[in-house]
């Protein structure tokens, strides 16, 4: 069986909210976001409707968030409202929104009768009697969102690239396979640091740079199960072989517990997905590539322990071809 995965980006969220505005109740005079993720769509909706915005705690305490000076918001700062729209980014079982319903009902005074509950993304077609009154789109599980993927439990069954994901890529000047590159490895600025343990890190960095890589990961608190690095003699050989994507795909496909690969490069992401037959999330494009199962069949027999032999064989073939070219007149 393939491992399908669904993904939504910030752009997907904004476009969906914009397209769904005609579906929202027009008499809403207060928008409430459920922290933290629900504040994203709630803020978009409040801006589009020009209505006051509150977080959940503020709503229960009768407060709204302060608004700017560019567009006066009618009724901002007033405790009275006729119809509040309570917003969360997603719903799966309805547990979170059910707790919010209970908290609002406990306030009494008929407050619960003045509220509509909205989830932007639902896992199944509604309705959810104890959760959302409406949802904008069905996004089935398994799923991840751009705003939560680096804090999601999926990381425990994911492979992550390092450069371009955990830290920035080296500049051409830094990428000298020498002292400047070592300096980069030790001092690279972080990009997206995970807050959960990662199943394995799979990088095209050379094996000889393992000490610097391990030191950087420890300094930035990255927890991981395995660190797979490319065992080649130098960067020139790596460039000549062009084995970045095939190496990552072999490791990914050989790990039956790995369900997602997070890759930095827009060119490598579809190739890793094709060769492994598994989903790859590309950070550069903020898009998900779901691999074909034909690729999985091709690489299913490759375990991580065979990757070095595969690469070494490619090195020998490349070396023989290089020498052969050198003998030609």
Protein backbone atom coordinates (compact mmCIF):
# COMPACT_ATOMS: atom_id res chain seq x y z
CA UNK A 1 0.00 0.00 0.00
CA UNK A 2 1.25 3.54 -0.75
CA UNK A 3 1.51 6.18 1.95
CA UNK A 4 -0.74 9.09 0.89
CA UNK A 5 -0.32 12.37 2.71
CA UNK A 6 -2.30 15.61 2.49
CA UNK A 7 -0.73 19.03 2.92
CA UNK A 8 -1.91 22.62 3.05
CA UNK A 9 0.28 25.73 2.96
CA UNK A 10 -0.25 29.27 4.21
CA UNK A 11 -1.15 30.20 0.63
CA UNK A 12 -3.71 27.39 0.45
CA UNK A 13 -5.26 28.62 3.70
CA UNK A 14 -5.46 32.24 2.53
CA UNK A 15 -6.93 31.29 -0.86
CA UNK A 16 -9.55 29.03 0.72
CA UNK A 17 -10.64 31.66 3.24
CA UNK A 18 -10.89 34.27 0.48
CA UNK A 19 -12.94 31.98 -1.77
CA UNK A 20 -15.23 30.97 1.11
CA UNK A 21 -16.22 34.42 2.30
CA UNK A 22 -19.68 34.24 0.63
CA UNK A 23 -20.44 31.12 2.70
CA UNK A 24 -19.92 32.85 6.06
CA UNK A 25 -22.83 34.33 8.04
CA UNK A 26 -23.17 37.98 7.07
CA UNK A 27 -24.40 39.12 10.48
CA UNK A 28 -21.19 38.17 12.29
CA UNK A 29 -19.99 41.11 14.34
CA UNK A 30 -17.12 39.43 16.22
CA UNK A 31 -14.51 36.86 15.11
CA UNK A 32 -12.82 34.67 17.73
CA UNK A 33 -9.67 32.64 17.05
CA UNK A 34 -8.75 29.51 19.00
CA UNK A 35 -5.03 29.77 19.81
CA UNK A 36 -2.68 29.27 18.24
CA UNK A 37 -3.47 28.01 14.76
CA UNK A 38 -7.07 29.23 14.75
CA UNK A 39 -5.85 32.82 15.02
CA UNK A 40 -4.47 32.57 11.46
CA UNK A 41 -7.80 32.15 9.63
CA UNK A 42 -9.67 34.17 12.27
CA UNK A 43 -7.45 37.16 11.56
CA UNK A 44 -8.00 36.81 7.81
CA UNK A 45 -11.76 36.64 8.25
CA UNK A 46 -11.86 39.57 10.69
CA UNK A 47 -9.86 41.72 8.28
CA UNK A 48 -12.02 40.77 5.31
CA UNK A 49 -15.26 41.53 7.21
CA UNK A 50 -13.78 44.51 9.06
CA UNK A 51 -14.96 43.05 12.37
CA UNK A 52 -13.35 43.00 15.82
CA UNK A 53 -11.05 40.06 16.57
CA UNK A 54 -10.59 38.26 19.89
CA UNK A 55 -8.67 35.27 21.09
CA UNK A 56 -10.64 32.72 23.08
CA UNK A 57 -9.52 33.85 26.55
CA UNK A 58 -10.21 37.46 25.65
CA UNK A 59 -13.66 36.54 24.35
CA UNK A 60 -14.54 34.75 27.58
CA UNK A 61 -13.31 37.78 29.53
CA UNK A 62 -15.17 40.27 27.33
CA UNK A 63 -12.08 41.67 25.58
CA UNK A 64 -11.19 42.11 21.93
CA UNK A 65 -7.76 42.64 20.44
CA UNK A 66 -6.75 46.22 19.71
CA UNK A 67 -7.16 47.28 16.09
CA UNK A 68 -4.98 49.53 13.99
CA UNK A 69 -5.73 53.07 12.92
CA UNK A 70 -6.12 52.49 9.17
CA UNK A 71 -9.67 51.12 9.37
CA UNK A 72 -11.91 51.92 12.35
CA UNK A 73 -13.75 48.78 13.46
CA UNK A 74 -17.39 49.38 14.45
CA UNK A 75 -18.06 48.22 17.98
CA UNK A 76 -14.42 47.37 18.72
CA UNK A 77 -13.78 47.26 22.45
CA UNK A 78 -17.45 46.77 23.33
CA UNK A 79 -18.48 43.68 25.26
CA UNK A 80 -21.85 43.33 23.54
CA UNK A 81 -22.19 41.39 20.28
CA UNK A 82 -24.98 39.72 18.36
CA UNK A 83 -23.22 36.89 16.53
CA UNK A 84 -19.68 35.61 17.14
CA UNK A 85 -17.82 33.34 14.74
CA UNK A 86 -15.39 31.05 16.61
CA UNK A 87 -12.67 29.76 14.28
CA UNK A 88 -10.13 26.96 14.37
CA UNK A 89 -7.81 25.91 11.55
CA UNK A 90 -8.84 22.25 11.57
CA UNK A 91 -10.99 19.59 13.15
CA UNK A 92 -10.46 15.84 13.31
CA UNK A 93 -12.52 14.31 16.12
CA UNK A 94 -14.10 17.53 17.40
CA UNK A 95 -12.42 17.28 20.79
CA UNK A 96 -10.90 20.77 20.88
CA UNK A 97 -14.00 22.56 19.59
CA UNK A 98 -16.11 20.46 21.94
CA UNK A 99 -14.10 21.79 24.88
CA UNK A 100 -14.48 25.33 23.56
CA UNK A 101 -18.26 24.86 23.27
CA UNK A 102 -18.39 23.65 26.87
CA UNK A 103 -16.32 26.61 28.11
CA UNK A 104 -18.57 29.11 26.32
CA UNK A 105 -21.74 27.37 27.52
CA UNK A 106 -20.44 27.51 31.09
CA UNK A 107 -20.41 31.32 30.88
CA UNK A 108 -24.24 31.24 30.84
CA UNK A 109 -26.42 34.19 29.92
CA UNK A 110 -27.37 32.68 26.58
CA UNK A 111 -23.85 33.25 25.26
CA UNK A 112 -23.72 29.87 23.52
CA UNK A 113 -26.78 30.75 21.41
CA UNK A 114 -24.91 33.64 19.80
CA UNK A 115 -21.96 31.63 18.45
CA UNK A 116 -21.23 29.75 15.20
CA UNK A 117 -18.27 27.37 15.20
CA UNK A 118 -16.12 27.15 12.08
CA UNK A 119 -13.25 24.77 11.24
CA UNK A 120 -11.39 25.60 8.04
CA UNK A 121 -10.26 22.03 7.36
CA UNK A 122 -12.29 18.99 8.33
CA UNK A 123 -11.08 15.40 8.23
CA UNK A 124 -14.44 14.03 7.05
CA UNK A 125 -17.59 15.60 5.64
CA UNK A 126 -19.58 17.31 8.41
CA UNK A 127 -21.49 17.98 10.47
CA UNK A 128 -19.68 17.51 13.79
CA UNK A 129 -22.41 17.75 16.44
CA UNK A 130 -20.01 18.53 19.28
CA UNK A 131 -17.51 20.47 17.21
CA UNK A 132 -17.91 22.63 14.10
CA UNK A 133 -21.16 23.97 12.72
CA UNK A 134 -19.44 24.41 9.37
CA UNK A 135 -16.13 23.59 7.69
CA UNK A 136 -14.70 25.07 4.53
CA UNK A 137 -12.89 22.07 3.05
CA UNK A 138 -12.36 18.37 3.71
CA UNK A 139 -8.66 17.53 4.09
CA UNK A 140 -8.46 13.86 5.11
CA UNK A 141 -5.86 12.44 7.45
CA UNK A 142 -2.98 11.78 7.38
CA UNK A 143 -2.32 15.46 6.88
CA UNK A 144 0.13 18.16 7.85
CA UNK A 145 0.01 21.93 7.53
CA UNK A 146 2.84 24.34 6.79
CA UNK A 147 2.28 26.04 10.14
CA UNK A 148 2.51 22.86 12.22
CA UNK A 149 4.62 20.30 10.36
CA UNK A 150 7.83 20.97 12.34
CA UNK A 151 5.91 20.42 15.59
CA UNK A 152 3.75 17.49 14.44
CA UNK A 153 3.92 13.89 15.62
CA UNK A 154 4.53 12.91 11.97
CA UNK A 155 8.20 13.86 12.51
CA UNK A 156 8.62 10.69 14.52
CA UNK A 157 8.11 8.76 11.26
CA UNK A 158 9.79 11.27 8.93
CA UNK A 159 13.13 11.72 7.17
CA UNK A 160 14.46 15.29 7.05
CA UNK A 161 17.04 16.92 4.86
CA UNK A 162 19.38 19.28 6.73
CA UNK A 163 20.59 22.09 4.45
CA UNK A 164 17.65 24.23 3.39
CA UNK A 165 15.39 22.65 6.01
CA UNK A 166 17.03 22.76 9.43
CA UNK A 167 19.53 25.43 8.43
CA UNK A 168 20.24 27.65 5.44
CA UNK A 169 22.15 26.39 2.42
CA UNK A 170 25.84 27.29 2.09
CA UNK A 171 26.76 30.08 -0.29
CA UNK A 172 29.00 29.22 -3.27
CA UNK A 173 31.93 30.81 -1.43
CA UNK A 174 31.28 28.70 1.67
CA UNK A 175 30.82 25.50 -0.32
CA UNK A 176 34.57 24.94 -0.88
CA UNK A 177 34.78 21.45 0.67
CA UNK A 178 37.41 22.90 2.96
CA UNK A 179 37.86 25.36 5.84
CA UNK A 180 35.07 27.73 4.78
CA UNK A 181 32.65 24.82 4.51
CA UNK A 182 33.62 23.54 7.97
CA UNK A 183 33.02 27.03 9.34
CA UNK A 184 29.58 27.03 7.71
CA UNK A 185 28.72 23.61 9.17
CA UNK A 186 29.51 24.77 12.69
CA UNK A 187 27.86 28.19 12.47
CA UNK A 188 24.97 27.89 10.00
CA UNK A 189 21.90 29.87 10.98
CA UNK A 190 18.84 27.72 11.77
CA UNK A 191 15.77 27.78 9.54
CA UNK A 192 13.07 25.33 10.71
CA UNK A 193 14.00 23.53 13.90
CA UNK A 194 11.77 20.60 14.91
CA UNK A 195 10.30 20.52 18.40
CA UNK A 196 9.71 16.75 18.30
CA UNK A 197 12.13 13.87 17.77
CA UNK A 198 12.82 13.12 14.09
CA UNK A 199 13.03 9.53 12.89
CA UNK A 200 16.13 10.14 10.79
CA UNK A 201 18.12 12.90 9.12
CA UNK A 202 19.17 12.10 5.55
CA UNK A 203 21.65 14.50 4.02
CA UNK A 204 23.96 14.70 1.02
CA UNK A 205 26.67 16.10 3.28
CA UNK A 206 29.76 13.92 3.14
CA UNK A 207 30.38 11.38 5.88
CA UNK A 208 33.67 13.04 6.79
CA UNK A 209 31.71 16.04 8.07
CA UNK A 210 29.77 14.00 10.61
CA UNK A 211 31.51 15.51 13.70
CA UNK A 212 30.64 19.10 12.67
CA UNK A 213 27.09 18.10 11.78
CA UNK A 214 26.51 16.25 15.06
CA UNK A 215 27.91 19.20 17.02
CA UNK A 216 25.55 21.67 15.29
CA UNK A 217 22.51 19.42 15.84
CA UNK A 218 23.32 19.01 19.54
CA UNK A 219 23.83 22.76 19.99
CA UNK A 220 20.40 23.46 18.50
CA UNK A 221 18.57 20.72 20.40
CA UNK A 222 17.62 18.58 17.39
CA UNK A 223 16.63 15.09 18.52
CA UNK A 224 16.88 12.31 15.92
CA UNK A 225 17.13 8.55 15.64
CA UNK A 226 19.65 8.17 12.79
CA UNK A 227 21.91 10.43 10.76
CA UNK A 228 22.54 9.16 7.20
CA UNK A 229 25.35 10.88 5.28
CA UNK A 230 26.80 10.33 1.82
CA UNK A 231 30.00 8.25 1.98
CA UNK A 232 32.00 9.67 -0.93
CA UNK A 233 35.62 10.92 -1.03
CA UNK A 234 34.92 14.56 -1.86
CA UNK A 235 32.38 17.09 -3.11
CA UNK A 236 33.72 16.91 -6.67
CA UNK A 237 32.85 13.22 -6.82
CA UNK A 238 29.41 13.94 -5.39
CA UNK A 239 28.76 16.58 -8.04
CA UNK A 240 30.00 14.31 -10.82
CA UNK A 241 27.76 11.45 -9.72
CA UNK A 242 24.72 13.61 -9.03
CA UNK A 243 23.61 11.03 -6.47
CA UNK A 244 21.86 13.40 -4.06
CA UNK A 245 18.28 12.34 -4.79
CA UNK A 246 19.01 8.66 -5.38
CA UNK A 247 20.85 8.38 -2.07
CA UNK A 248 17.98 9.98 -0.16
CA UNK A 249 15.40 7.88 -1.98
CA UNK A 250 17.26 4.64 -1.21
CA UNK A 251 17.42 5.42 2.50
CA UNK A 252 13.77 6.54 2.57
CA UNK A 253 12.46 3.57 0.61
CA UNK A 254 14.48 1.13 2.70
CA UNK A 255 12.89 2.32 5.94
CA UNK A 256 9.39 0.87 6.19
CA UNK A 257 8.64 3.09 9.17
CA UNK A 258 9.35 6.33 7.31
CA UNK A 259 6.13 7.93 6.05
CA UNK A 260 7.29 11.40 4.94
CA UNK A 261 10.47 13.01 3.59
CA UNK A 262 10.98 16.75 4.05
CA UNK A 263 13.32 17.97 1.32
CA UNK A 264 14.67 21.44 0.60
CA UNK A 265 15.29 21.34 -3.15
CA UNK A 266 12.53 21.70 -5.76
CA UNK A 267 14.53 19.60 -8.25
CA UNK A 268 15.30 16.75 -5.86
CA UNK A 269 11.86 16.49 -4.21
CA UNK A 270 9.98 14.94 -7.18
CA UNK A 271 12.90 12.61 -7.88
CA UNK A 272 13.00 11.34 -4.28
CA UNK A 273 9.22 10.84 -4.44
CA UNK A 274 9.43 9.02 -7.78
CA UNK A 275 12.24 6.70 -6.73
CA UNK A 276 10.91 5.92 -3.26
CA UNK A 277 7.20 5.85 -4.10
CA UNK A 278 6.50 7.84 -0.93
CA UNK A 279 5.39 11.42 -0.26
CA UNK A 280 7.95 14.21 -0.18
CA UNK A 281 7.29 17.68 1.21
CA UNK A 282 9.35 20.34 -0.57
CA UNK A 283 10.22 23.31 1.63
CA UNK A 284 11.35 25.45 -1.31
CA UNK A 285 7.94 25.27 -3.03
CA UNK A 286 5.76 24.55 0.02
CA UNK A 287 4.17 21.69 -1.86
CA UNK A 288 3.76 17.95 -1.41
CA UNK A 289 4.75 15.38 -4.01
CA UNK A 290 3.05 12.02 -3.52
CA UNK A 291 5.29 9.33 -5.01
CA UNK A 292 4.25 6.57 -7.40
CA UNK A 293 4.17 3.05 -6.06
CA UNK A 294 6.20 1.90 -9.07
CA UNK A 295 9.14 3.72 -7.56
CA UNK A 296 8.59 1.90 -4.29
CA UNK A 297 8.76 -1.47 -6.04
CA UNK A 298 12.05 -0.48 -7.60
CA UNK A 299 13.70 0.42 -4.28
CA UNK A 300 11.89 -1.80 -1.80
CA UNK A 301 14.83 -4.17 -1.45
CA UNK A 302 17.31 -1.41 -0.63
CA UNK A 303 18.01 -1.24 3.07
CA UNK A 304 20.05 1.61 4.55
CA UNK A 305 22.97 -0.80 4.90
CA UNK A 306 23.16 -1.29 1.13
CA UNK A 307 23.25 2.41 0.31
CA UNK A 308 27.02 2.68 0.77
CA UNK A 309 27.62 -0.25 -1.59
CA UNK A 310 25.31 1.30 -4.19
CA UNK A 311 27.15 4.61 -4.03
CA UNK A 312 30.60 3.00 -4.01
CA UNK A 313 29.67 1.05 -7.13
CA UNK A 314 28.62 4.27 -8.80
CA UNK A 315 31.95 5.83 -7.81
CA UNK A 316 33.89 2.97 -9.39
CA UNK A 317 31.85 3.19 -12.58
CA UNK A 318 32.28 6.95 -12.76
CA UNK A 319 36.03 6.60 -12.20
CA UNK A 320 36.36 3.98 -14.92
CA UNK A 321 34.38 6.13 -17.35
CA UNK A 322 36.54 9.15 -16.48
CA UNK A 323 39.78 7.22 -17.13
CA UNK A 324 38.34 5.83 -20.34
CA UNK A 325 37.54 9.33 -21.57
CA UNK A 326 41.08 10.38 -20.72
CA UNK A 327 42.54 7.73 -23.04
CA UNK A 328 40.59 8.90 -26.05
CA UNK A 329 42.51 10.87 -28.69
